[in-house]
Amino acid sequence: MDKIEKYKAMEKILREIEDLKNSETAVIKKIGQVETENMNVNADGLDASLTEIYDGAYKNLENIEALHVSFTEKVSDFKETNKITDDMLLEIREQS
């Protein structure tokens, strides 16, 4: 795999990590919606379970965000080290 292809694969991974972040954010929002609905129903045990699920989802989101920051730096360093310019990438995209 040449350097440009590797860089493009790394960019794709970044987009996938961003998708993970968005998905986990959606899970957290959905938990909030269920908690709000449960205020009307007041089902036994649901609050405790939702809190546990929320805590896990929030921790996952923190881990995903940290991974995104770390991998973004790695991609940026790879781009700089290998002297990959935006013009090079634009030219390759136009050829495709």
PDB file of N, CA and C in Angstrom:
ATOM      1  N   MET A   1       0.859  -1.173   0.000  1.00  0.00           N
ATOM      2  CA  MET A   1       0.000   0.000   0.000  1.00  0.00           C
ATOM      3  C   MET A   1       0.903   1.233   0.000  1.00  0.00           C
ATOM      4  N   ASP A   2       0.700   2.104  -0.992  1.00  0.00           N
ATOM      5  CA  ASP A   2       1.525   3.306  -1.019  1.00  0.00           C
ATOM      6  C   ASP A   2       1.039   4.317   0.019  1.00  0.00           C
ATOM      7  N   LYS A   3       1.801   5.385   0.181  1.00  0.00           N
ATOM      8  CA  LYS A   3       1.532   6.345   1.248  1.00  0.00           C
ATOM      9  C   LYS A   3       0.194   7.046   1.077  1.00  0.00           C
ATOM     10  N   ILE A   4      -0.170   7.365  -0.136  1.00  0.00           N
ATOM     11  CA  ILE A   4      -1.446   8.044  -0.385  1.00  0.00           C
ATOM     12  C   ILE A   4      -2.602   7.104  -0.041  1.00  0.00           C
ATOM     13  N   GLU A   5      -2.507   5.858  -0.457  1.00  0.00           N
ATOM     14  CA  GLU A   5      -3.551   4.884  -0.154  1.00  0.00           C
ATOM     15  C   GLU A   5      -3.666   4.664   1.356  1.00  0.00           C
ATOM     16  N   LYS A   6      -2.528   4.595   2.018  1.00  0.00           N
ATOM     17  CA  LYS A   6      -2.550   4.415   3.469  1.00  0.00           C
ATOM     18  C   LYS A   6      -3.202   5.631   4.130  1.00  0.00           C
ATOM     19  N   TYR A   7      -2.865   6.821   3.660  1.00  0.00           N
ATOM     20  CA  TYR A   7      -3.462   8.038   4.216  1.00  0.00           C
ATOM     21  C   TYR A   7      -4.973   8.037   4.002  1.00  0.00           C
ATOM     22  N   LYS A   8      -5.408   7.664   2.817  1.00  0.00           N
ATOM     23  CA  LYS A   8      -6.846   7.607   2.532  1.00  0.00           C
ATOM     24  C   LYS A   8      -7.546   6.599   3.445  1.00  0.00           C
ATOM     25  N   ALA A   9      -6.893   5.466   3.705  1.00  0.00           N
ATOM     26  CA  ALA A   9      -7.460   4.465   4.616  1.00  0.00           C
ATOM     27  C   ALA A   9      -7.541   5.018   6.042  1.00  0.00           C
ATOM     28  N   MET A  10      -6.535   5.773   6.434  1.00  0.00           N
ATOM     29  CA  MET A  10      -6.542   6.388   7.759  1.00  0.00           C
ATOM     30  C   MET A  10      -7.675   7.418   7.872  1.00  0.00           C
ATOM     31  N   GLU A  11      -7.895   8.186   6.820  1.00  0.00           N
ATOM     32  CA  GLU A  11      -9.008   9.143   6.814  1.00  0.00           C
ATOM     33  C   GLU A  11     -10.347   8.421   6.953  1.00  0.00           C
ATOM     34  N   LYS A  12     -10.452   7.276   6.279  1.00  0.00           N
ATOM     35  CA  LYS A  12     -11.687   6.490   6.373  1.00  0.00           C
ATOM     36  C   LYS A  12     -11.900   6.006   7.804  1.00  0.00           C
ATOM     37  N   ILE A  13     -10.840   5.573   8.446  1.00  0.00           N
ATOM     38  CA  ILE A  13     -10.947   5.140   9.842  1.00  0.00           C
ATOM     39  C   ILE A  13     -11.429   6.302  10.711  1.00  0.00           C
ATOM     40  N   LEU A  14     -10.906   7.495  10.474  1.00  0.00           N
ATOM     41  CA  LEU A  14     -11.364   8.662  11.234  1.00  0.00           C
ATOM     42  C   LEU A  14     -12.860   8.892  11.060  1.00  0.00           C
ATOM     43  N   ARG A  15     -13.340   8.744   9.836  1.00  0.00           N
ATOM     44  CA  ARG A  15     -14.785   8.907   9.592  1.00  0.00           C
ATOM     45  C   ARG A  15     -15.582   7.833  10.324  1.00  0.00           C
ATOM     46  N   GLU A  16     -15.055   6.617  10.372  1.00  0.00           N
ATOM     47  CA  GLU A  16     -15.737   5.526  11.082  1.00  0.00           C
ATOM     48  C   GLU A  16     -15.769   5.799  12.591  1.00  0.00           C
ATOM     49  N   ILE A  17     -14.677   6.340  13.122  1.00  0.00           N
ATOM     50  CA  ILE A  17     -14.646   6.691  14.547  1.00  0.00           C
ATOM     51  C   ILE A  17     -15.664   7.791  14.828  1.00  0.00           C
ATOM     52  N   GLU A  18     -15.778   8.745  13.922  1.00  0.00           N
ATOM     53  CA  GLU A  18     -16.781   9.809  14.070  1.00  0.00           C
ATOM     54  C   GLU A  18     -18.190   9.212  14.055  1.00  0.00           C
ATOM     55  N   ASP A  19     -18.412   8.218  13.203  1.00  0.00           N
ATOM     56  CA  ASP A  19     -19.705   7.521  13.185  1.00  0.00           C
ATOM     57  C   ASP A  19     -19.978   6.837  14.532  1.00  0.00           C
ATOM     58  N   LEU A  20     -18.948   6.217  15.097  1.00  0.00           N
ATOM     59  CA  LEU A  20     -19.095   5.604  16.423  1.00  0.00           C
ATOM     60  C   LEU A  20     -19.505   6.651  17.454  1.00  0.00           C
ATOM     61  N   LYS A  21     -18.851   7.794  17.400  1.00  0.00           N
ATOM     62  CA  LYS A  21     -19.163   8.884  18.337  1.00  0.00           C
ATOM     63  C   LYS A  21     -20.618   9.316  18.180  1.00  0.00           C
ATOM     64  N   ASN A  22     -21.055   9.488  16.938  1.00  0.00           N
ATOM     65  CA  ASN A  22     -22.440   9.889  16.688  1.00  0.00           C
ATOM     66  C   ASN A  22     -23.429   8.832  17.164  1.00  0.00           C
ATOM     67  N   SER A  23     -23.096   7.575  16.955  1.00  0.00           N
ATOM     68  CA  SER A  23     -23.975   6.486  17.388  1.00  0.00           C
ATOM     69  C   SER A  23     -24.084   6.445  18.910  1.00  0.00           C
ATOM     70  N   GLU A  24     -22.958   6.601  19.582  1.00  0.00           N
ATOM     71  CA  GLU A  24     -22.980   6.550  21.044  1.00  0.00           C
ATOM     72  C   GLU A  24     -23.728   7.758  21.607  1.00  0.00           C
ATOM     73  N   THR A  25     -23.593   8.901  20.956  1.00  0.00           N
ATOM     74  CA  THR A  25     -24.348  10.086  21.365  1.00  0.00           C
ATOM     75  C   THR A  25     -25.842   9.842  21.211  1.00  0.00           C
ATOM     76  N   ALA A  26     -26.230   9.175  20.139  1.00  0.00           N
ATOM     77  CA  ALA A  26     -27.642   8.850  19.925  1.00  0.00           C
ATOM     78  C   ALA A  26     -28.154   7.896  21.003  1.00  0.00           C
ATOM     79  N   VAL A  27     -27.331   6.940  21.413  1.00  0.00           N
ATOM     80  CA  VAL A  27     -27.716   6.013  22.478  1.00  0.00           C
ATOM     81  C   VAL A  27     -27.961   6.787  23.772  1.00  0.00           C
ATOM     82  N   ILE A  28     -27.078   7.713  24.091  1.00  0.00           N
ATOM     83  CA  ILE A  28     -27.224   8.508  25.315  1.00  0.00           C
ATOM     84  C   ILE A  28     -28.509   9.335  25.266  1.00  0.00           C
ATOM     85  N   LYS A  29     -28.792   9.934  24.113  1.00  0.00           N
ATOM     86  CA  LYS A  29     -30.033  10.710  23.973  1.00  0.00           C
ATOM     87  C   LYS A  29     -31.263   9.817  24.136  1.00  0.00           C
ATOM     88  N   LYS A  30     -31.201   8.631  23.570  1.00  0.00           N
ATOM     89  CA  LYS A  30     -32.325   7.694  23.674  1.00  0.00           C
ATOM     90  C   LYS A  30     -32.547   7.263  25.123  1.00  0.00           C
ATOM     91  N   ILE A  31     -31.472   7.049  25.852  1.00  0.00           N
ATOM     92  CA  ILE A  31     -31.600   6.703  27.276  1.00  0.00           C
ATOM     93  C   ILE A  31     -32.322   7.831  28.007  1.00  0.00           C
ATOM     94  N   GLY A  32     -31.964   9.076  27.703  1.00  0.00           N
ATOM     95  CA  GLY A  32     -32.635  10.228  28.308  1.00  0.00           C
ATOM     96  C   GLY A  32     -34.122  10.257  28.000  1.00  0.00           C
ATOM     97  N   GLN A  33     -34.470   9.894  26.760  1.00  0.00           N
ATOM     98  CA  GLN A  33     -35.884   9.859  26.379  1.00  0.00           C
ATOM     99  C   GLN A  33     -36.633   8.789  27.170  1.00  0.00           C
ATOM    100  N   VAL A  34     -36.002   7.630  27.330  1.00  0.00           N
ATOM    101  CA  VAL A  34     -36.636   6.552  28.086  1.00  0.00           C
ATOM    102  C   VAL A  34     -36.790   6.964  29.548  1.00  0.00           C
ATOM    103  N   GLU A  35     -35.775   7.615  30.095  1.00  0.00           N
ATOM    104  CA  GLU A  35     -35.862   8.082  31.485  1.00  0.00           C
ATOM    105  C   GLU A  35     -37.015   9.078  31.653  1.00  0.00           C
ATOM    106  N   THR A  36     -37.166   9.959  30.685  1.00  0.00           N
ATOM    107  CA  THR A  36     -38.251  10.940  30.739  1.00  0.00           C
ATOM    108  C   THR A  36     -39.606  10.246  30.685  1.00  0.00           C
ATOM    109  N   GLU A  37     -39.757   9.283  29.793  1.00  0.00           N
ATOM    110  CA  GLU A  37     -41.011   8.536  29.697  1.00  0.00           C
ATOM    111  C   GLU A  37     -41.293   7.752  30.976  1.00  0.00           C
ATOM    112  N   ASN A  38     -40.226   7.252  31.591  1.00  0.00           N
ATOM    113  CA  ASN A  38     -40.401   6.473  32.810  1.00  0.00           C
ATOM    114  C   ASN A  38     -40.898   7.343  33.973  1.00  0.00           C
ATOM    115  N   MET A  39     -40.698   8.631  33.893  1.00  0.00           N
ATOM    116  CA  MET A  39     -41.233   9.509  34.948  1.00  0.00           C
ATOM    117  C   MET A  39     -42.753   9.409  35.016  1.00  0.00           C
ATOM    118  N   ASN A  40     -43.381   9.176  33.882  1.00  0.00           N
ATOM    119  CA  ASN A  40     -44.837   9.012  33.835  1.00  0.00           C
ATOM    120  C   ASN A  40     -45.268   7.619  34.295  1.00  0.00           C
ATOM    121  N   VAL A  41     -44.456   6.630  33.997  1.00  0.00           N
ATOM    122  CA  VAL A  41     -44.802   5.240  34.283  1.00  0.00           C
ATOM    123  C   VAL A  41     -44.293   4.805  35.654  1.00  0.00           C
ATOM    124  N   ASN A  42     -43.102   5.265  35.996  1.00  0.00           N
ATOM    125  CA  ASN A  42     -42.443   4.930  37.258  1.00  0.00           C
ATOM    126  C   ASN A  42     -42.293   3.422  37.457  1.00  0.00           C
ATOM    127  N   ALA A  43     -41.757   2.761  36.428  1.00  0.00           N
ATOM    128  CA  ALA A  43     -41.550   1.308  36.488  1.00  0.00           C
ATOM    129  C   ALA A  43     -40.432   0.972  37.472  1.00  0.00           C
ATOM    130  N   ASP A  44     -40.692   0.010  38.327  1.00  0.00           N
ATOM    131  CA  ASP A  44     -39.708  -0.409  39.331  1.00  0.00           C
ATOM    132  C   ASP A  44     -38.440  -0.924  38.664  1.00  0.00           C
ATOM    133  N   GLY A  45     -37.307  -0.478  39.173  1.00  0.00           N
ATOM    134  CA  GLY A  45     -36.024  -0.989  38.712  1.00  0.00           C
ATOM    135  C   GLY A  45     -35.505  -0.377  37.427  1.00  0.00           C
ATOM    136  N   LEU A  46     -36.356   0.286  36.694  1.00  0.00           N
ATOM    137  CA  LEU A  46     -35.929   0.838  35.405  1.00  0.00           C
ATOM    138  C   LEU A  46     -34.918   1.963  35.591  1.00  0.00           C
ATOM    139  N   ASP A  47     -35.135   2.808  36.587  1.00  0.00           N
ATOM    140  CA  ASP A  47     -34.204   3.910  36.828  1.00  0.00           C
ATOM    141  C   ASP A  47     -32.784   3.415  37.071  1.00  0.00           C
ATOM    142  N   ALA A  48     -32.647   2.421  37.922  1.00  0.00           N
ATOM    143  CA  ALA A  48     -31.318   1.896  38.250  1.00  0.00           C
ATOM    144  C   ALA A  48     -30.655   1.282  37.022  1.00  0.00           C
ATOM    145  N   SER A  49     -31.423   0.537  36.257  1.00  0.00           N
ATOM    146  CA  SER A  49     -30.873  -0.085  35.042  1.00  0.00           C
ATOM    147  C   SER A  49     -30.465   0.969  34.026  1.00  0.00           C
ATOM    148  N   LEU A  50     -31.306   1.964  33.846  1.00  0.00           N
ATOM    149  CA  LEU A  50     -30.992   3.026  32.877  1.00  0.00           C
ATOM    150  C   LEU A  50     -29.756   3.813  33.302  1.00  0.00           C
ATOM    151  N   THR A  51     -29.635   4.053  34.596  1.00  0.00           N
ATOM    152  CA  THR A  51     -28.454   4.761  35.095  1.00  0.00           C
ATOM    153  C   THR A  51     -27.185   3.970  34.806  1.00  0.00           C
ATOM    154  N   GLU A  52     -27.250   2.674  35.024  1.00  0.00           N
ATOM    155  CA  GLU A  52     -26.097   1.817  34.745  1.00  0.00           C
ATOM    156  C   GLU A  52     -25.757   1.824  33.252  1.00  0.00           C
ATOM    157  N   ILE A  53     -26.772   1.721  32.415  1.00  0.00           N
ATOM    158  CA  ILE A  53     -26.568   1.740  30.963  1.00  0.00           C
ATOM    159  C   ILE A  53     -26.015   3.094  30.525  1.00  0.00           C
ATOM    160  N   TYR A  54     -26.572   4.170  31.087  1.00  0.00           N
ATOM    161  CA  TYR A  54     -26.105   5.516  30.756  1.00  0.00           C
ATOM    162  C   TYR A  54     -24.627   5.680  31.124  1.00  0.00           C
ATOM    163  N   ASP A  55     -24.267   5.236  32.316  1.00  0.00           N
ATOM    164  CA  ASP A  55     -22.872   5.358  32.755  1.00  0.00           C
ATOM    165  C   ASP A  55     -21.926   4.637  31.795  1.00  0.00           C
ATOM    166  N   GLY A  56     -22.326   3.442  31.374  1.00  0.00           N
ATOM    167  CA  GLY A  56     -21.502   2.690  30.420  1.00  0.00           C
ATOM    168  C   GLY A  56     -21.408   3.385  29.075  1.00  0.00           C
ATOM    169  N   ALA A  57     -22.527   3.891  28.597  1.00  0.00           N
ATOM    170  CA  ALA A  57     -22.540   4.580  27.304  1.00  0.00           C
ATOM    171  C   ALA A  57     -21.710   5.856  27.363  1.00  0.00           C
ATOM    172  N   TYR A  58     -21.811   6.584  28.474  1.00  0.00           N
ATOM    173  CA  TYR A  58     -21.049   7.824  28.619  1.00  0.00           C
ATOM    174  C   TYR A  58     -19.552   7.528  28.659  1.00  0.00           C
ATOM    175  N   LYS A  59     -19.165   6.465  29.349  1.00  0.00           N
ATOM    176  CA  LYS A  59     -17.752   6.070  29.397  1.00  0.00           C
ATOM    177  C   LYS A  59     -17.273   5.667  27.997  1.00  0.00           C
ATOM    178  N   ASN A  60     -18.116   4.949  27.259  1.00  0.00           N
ATOM    179  CA  ASN A  60     -17.771   4.596  25.879  1.00  0.00           C
ATOM    180  C   ASN A  60     -17.558   5.848  25.039  1.00  0.00           C
ATOM    181  N   LEU A  61     -18.439   6.826  25.206  1.00  0.00           N
ATOM    182  CA  LEU A  61     -18.311   8.069  24.444  1.00  0.00           C
ATOM    183  C   LEU A  61     -17.000   8.775  24.776  1.00  0.00           C
ATOM    184  N   GLU A  62     -16.644   8.822  26.044  1.00  0.00           N
ATOM    185  CA  GLU A  62     -15.366   9.428  26.433  1.00  0.00           C
ATOM    186  C   GLU A  62     -14.196   8.701  25.785  1.00  0.00           C
ATOM    187  N   ASN A  63     -14.246   7.378  25.774  1.00  0.00           N
ATOM    188  CA  ASN A  63     -13.172   6.583  25.160  1.00  0.00           C
ATOM    189  C   ASN A  63     -13.101   6.820  23.654  1.00  0.00           C
ATOM    190  N   ILE A  64     -14.253   6.894  23.006  1.00  0.00           N
ATOM    191  CA  ILE A  64     -14.296   7.138  21.561  1.00  0.00           C
ATOM    192  C   ILE A  64     -13.737   8.517  21.245  1.00  0.00           C
ATOM    193  N   GLU A  65     -14.117   9.517  22.041  1.00  0.00           N
ATOM    194  CA  GLU A  65     -13.602  10.872  21.818  1.00  0.00           C
ATOM    195  C   GLU A  65     -12.086  10.919  21.986  1.00  0.00           C
ATOM    196  N   ALA A  66     -11.563  10.240  23.004  1.00  0.00           N
ATOM    197  CA  ALA A  66     -10.114  10.189  23.215  1.00  0.00           C
ATOM    198  C   ALA A  66      -9.421   9.487  22.048  1.00  0.00           C
ATOM    199  N   LEU A  67     -10.016   8.407  21.566  1.00  0.00           N
ATOM    200  CA  LEU A  67      -9.474   7.694  20.408  1.00  0.00           C
ATOM    201  C   LEU A  67      -9.454   8.598  19.182  1.00  0.00           C
ATOM    202  N   HIS A  68     -10.523   9.354  18.985  1.00  0.00           N
ATOM    203  CA  HIS A  68     -10.609  10.258  17.833  1.00  0.00           C
ATOM    204  C   HIS A  68      -9.501  11.304  17.880  1.00  0.00           C
ATOM    205  N   VAL A  69      -9.287  11.895  19.039  1.00  0.00           N
ATOM    206  CA  VAL A  69      -8.236  12.903  19.185  1.00  0.00           C
ATOM    207  C   VAL A  69      -6.868  12.281  18.913  1.00  0.00           C
ATOM    208  N   SER A  70      -6.627  11.138  19.515  1.00  0.00           N
ATOM    209  CA  SER A  70      -5.343  10.463  19.360  1.00  0.00           C
ATOM    210  C   SER A  70      -5.083  10.066  17.909  1.00  0.00           C
ATOM    211  N   PHE A  71      -6.082   9.473  17.267  1.00  0.00           N
ATOM    212  CA  PHE A  71      -5.887   9.009  15.894  1.00  0.00           C
ATOM    213  C   PHE A  71      -5.810  10.183  14.920  1.00  0.00           C
ATOM    214  N   THR A  72      -6.519  11.263  15.208  1.00  0.00           N
ATOM    215  CA  THR A  72      -6.423  12.461  14.373  1.00  0.00           C
ATOM    216  C   THR A  72      -4.992  12.984  14.364  1.00  0.00           C
ATOM    217  N   GLU A  73      -4.366  12.997  15.526  1.00  0.00           N
ATOM    218  CA  GLU A  73      -2.968  13.425  15.615  1.00  0.00           C
ATOM    219  C   GLU A  73      -2.065  12.491  14.820  1.00  0.00           C
ATOM    220  N   LYS A  74      -2.332  11.188  14.918  1.00  0.00           N
ATOM    221  CA  LYS A  74      -1.525  10.202  14.192  1.00  0.00           C
ATOM    222  C   LYS A  74      -1.655  10.405  12.678  1.00  0.00           C
ATOM    223  N   VAL A  75      -2.866  10.663  12.211  1.00  0.00           N
ATOM    224  CA  VAL A  75      -3.091  10.880  10.778  1.00  0.00           C
ATOM    225  C   VAL A  75      -2.391  12.167  10.327  1.00  0.00           C
ATOM    226  N   SER A  76      -2.516  13.195  11.133  1.00  0.00           N
ATOM    227  CA  SER A  76      -1.869  14.463  10.814  1.00  0.00           C
ATOM    228  C   SER A  76      -0.350  14.306  10.747  1.00  0.00           C
ATOM    229  N   ASP A  77       0.216  13.592  11.708  1.00  0.00           N
ATOM    230  CA  ASP A  77       1.660  13.344  11.702  1.00  0.00           C
ATOM    231  C   ASP A  77       2.074  12.545  10.480  1.00  0.00           C
ATOM    232  N   PHE A  78       1.288  11.538  10.118  1.00  0.00           N
ATOM    233  CA  PHE A  78       1.590  10.725   8.937  1.00  0.00           C
ATOM    234  C   PHE A  78       1.579  11.592   7.686  1.00  0.00           C
ATOM    235  N   LYS A  79       0.583  12.458   7.576  1.00  0.00           N
ATOM    236  CA  LYS A  79       0.464  13.349   6.419  1.00  0.00           C
ATOM    237  C   LYS A  79       1.675  14.274   6.330  1.00  0.00           C
ATOM    238  N   GLU A  80       2.065  14.829   7.467  1.00  0.00           N
ATOM    239  CA  GLU A  80       3.200  15.748   7.490  1.00  0.00           C
ATOM    240  C   GLU A  80       4.512  15.029   7.199  1.00  0.00           C
ATOM    241  N   THR A  81       4.719  13.899   7.847  1.00  0.00           N
ATOM    242  CA  THR A  81       5.951  13.131   7.676  1.00  0.00           C
ATOM    243  C   THR A  81       6.139  12.696   6.224  1.00  0.00           C
ATOM    244  N   ASN A  82       5.048  12.342   5.579  1.00  0.00           N
ATOM    245  CA  ASN A  82       5.121  11.835   4.204  1.00  0.00           C
ATOM    246  C   ASN A  82       4.870  12.921   3.165  1.00  0.00           C
ATOM    247  N   LYS A  83       4.818  14.175   3.648  1.00  0.00           N
ATOM    248  CA  LYS A  83       4.676  15.333   2.761  1.00  0.00           C
ATOM    249  C   LYS A  83       3.500  15.197   1.795  1.00  0.00           C
ATOM    250  N   ILE A  84       2.376  14.762   2.334  1.00  0.00           N
ATOM    251  CA  ILE A  84       1.155  14.638   1.543  1.00  0.00           C
ATOM    252  C   ILE A  84       0.436  15.980   1.621  1.00  0.00           C
ATOM    253  N   THR A  85       0.222  16.592   0.474  1.00  0.00           N
ATOM    254  CA  THR A  85      -0.408  17.907   0.441  1.00  0.00           C
ATOM    255  C   THR A  85      -1.875  17.784   0.030  1.00  0.00           C
ATOM    256  N   ASP A  86      -2.636  18.803   0.372  1.00  0.00           N
ATOM    257  CA  ASP A  86      -4.040  18.834  -0.032  1.00  0.00           C
ATOM    258  C   ASP A  86      -4.159  18.879  -1.550  1.00  0.00           C
ATOM    259  N   ASP A  87      -3.215  19.559  -2.211  1.00  0.00           N
ATOM    260  CA  ASP A  87      -3.226  19.602  -3.677  1.00  0.00           C
ATOM    261  C   ASP A  87      -3.030  18.214  -4.275  1.00  0.00           C
ATOM    262  N   MET A  88      -2.151  17.425  -3.671  1.00  0.00           N
ATOM    263  CA  MET A  88      -1.937  16.054  -4.146  1.00  0.00           C
ATOM    264  C   MET A  88      -3.223  15.242  -4.026  1.00  0.00           C
ATOM    265  N   LEU A  89      -3.884  15.388  -2.884  1.00  0.00           N
ATOM    266  CA  LEU A  89      -5.116  14.636  -2.647  1.00  0.00           C
ATOM    267  C   LEU A  89      -6.222  15.075  -3.593  1.00  0.00           C
ATOM    268  N   LEU A  90      -6.319  16.382  -3.833  1.00  0.00           N
ATOM    269  CA  LEU A  90      -7.315  16.910  -4.749  1.00  0.00           C
ATOM    270  C   LEU A  90      -7.073  16.389  -6.163  1.00  0.00           C
ATOM    271  N   GLU A  91      -5.839  16.382  -6.568  1.00  0.00           N
ATOM    272  CA  GLU A  91      -5.487  15.894  -7.907  1.00  0.00           C
ATOM    273  C   GLU A  91      -5.862  14.420  -8.061  1.00  0.00           C
ATOM    274  N   ILE A  92      -5.584  13.623  -7.053  1.00  0.00           N
ATOM    275  CA  ILE A  92      -5.909  12.196  -7.090  1.00  0.00           C
ATOM    276  C   ILE A  92      -7.427  12.004  -7.134  1.00  0.00           C
ATOM    277  N   ARG A  93      -8.163  12.794  -6.348  1.00  0.00           N
ATOM    278  CA  ARG A  93      -9.632  12.678  -6.341  1.00  0.00           C
ATOM    279  C   ARG A  93     -10.209  13.078  -7.683  1.00  0.00           C
ATOM    280  N   GLU A  94      -9.615  14.070  -8.329  1.00  0.00           N
ATOM    281  CA  GLU A  94     -10.114  14.507  -9.631  1.00  0.00           C
ATOM    282  C   GLU A  94      -9.855  13.461 -10.698  1.00  0.00           C
ATOM    283  N   GLN A  95      -8.786  12.686 -10.550  1.00  0.00           N
ATOM    284  CA  GLN A  95      -8.463  11.630 -11.505  1.00  0.00           C
ATOM    285  C   GLN A  95      -9.384  10.425 -11.355  1.00  0.00           C
ATOM    286  N   SER A  96      -9.952  10.265 -10.181  1.00  0.00           N
ATOM    287  CA  SER A  96     -10.779   9.090  -9.914  1.00  0.00           C
ATOM    288  C   SER A  96     -12.140   9.199 -10.559  1.00  0.00           C
TER     289      SER A  96
END
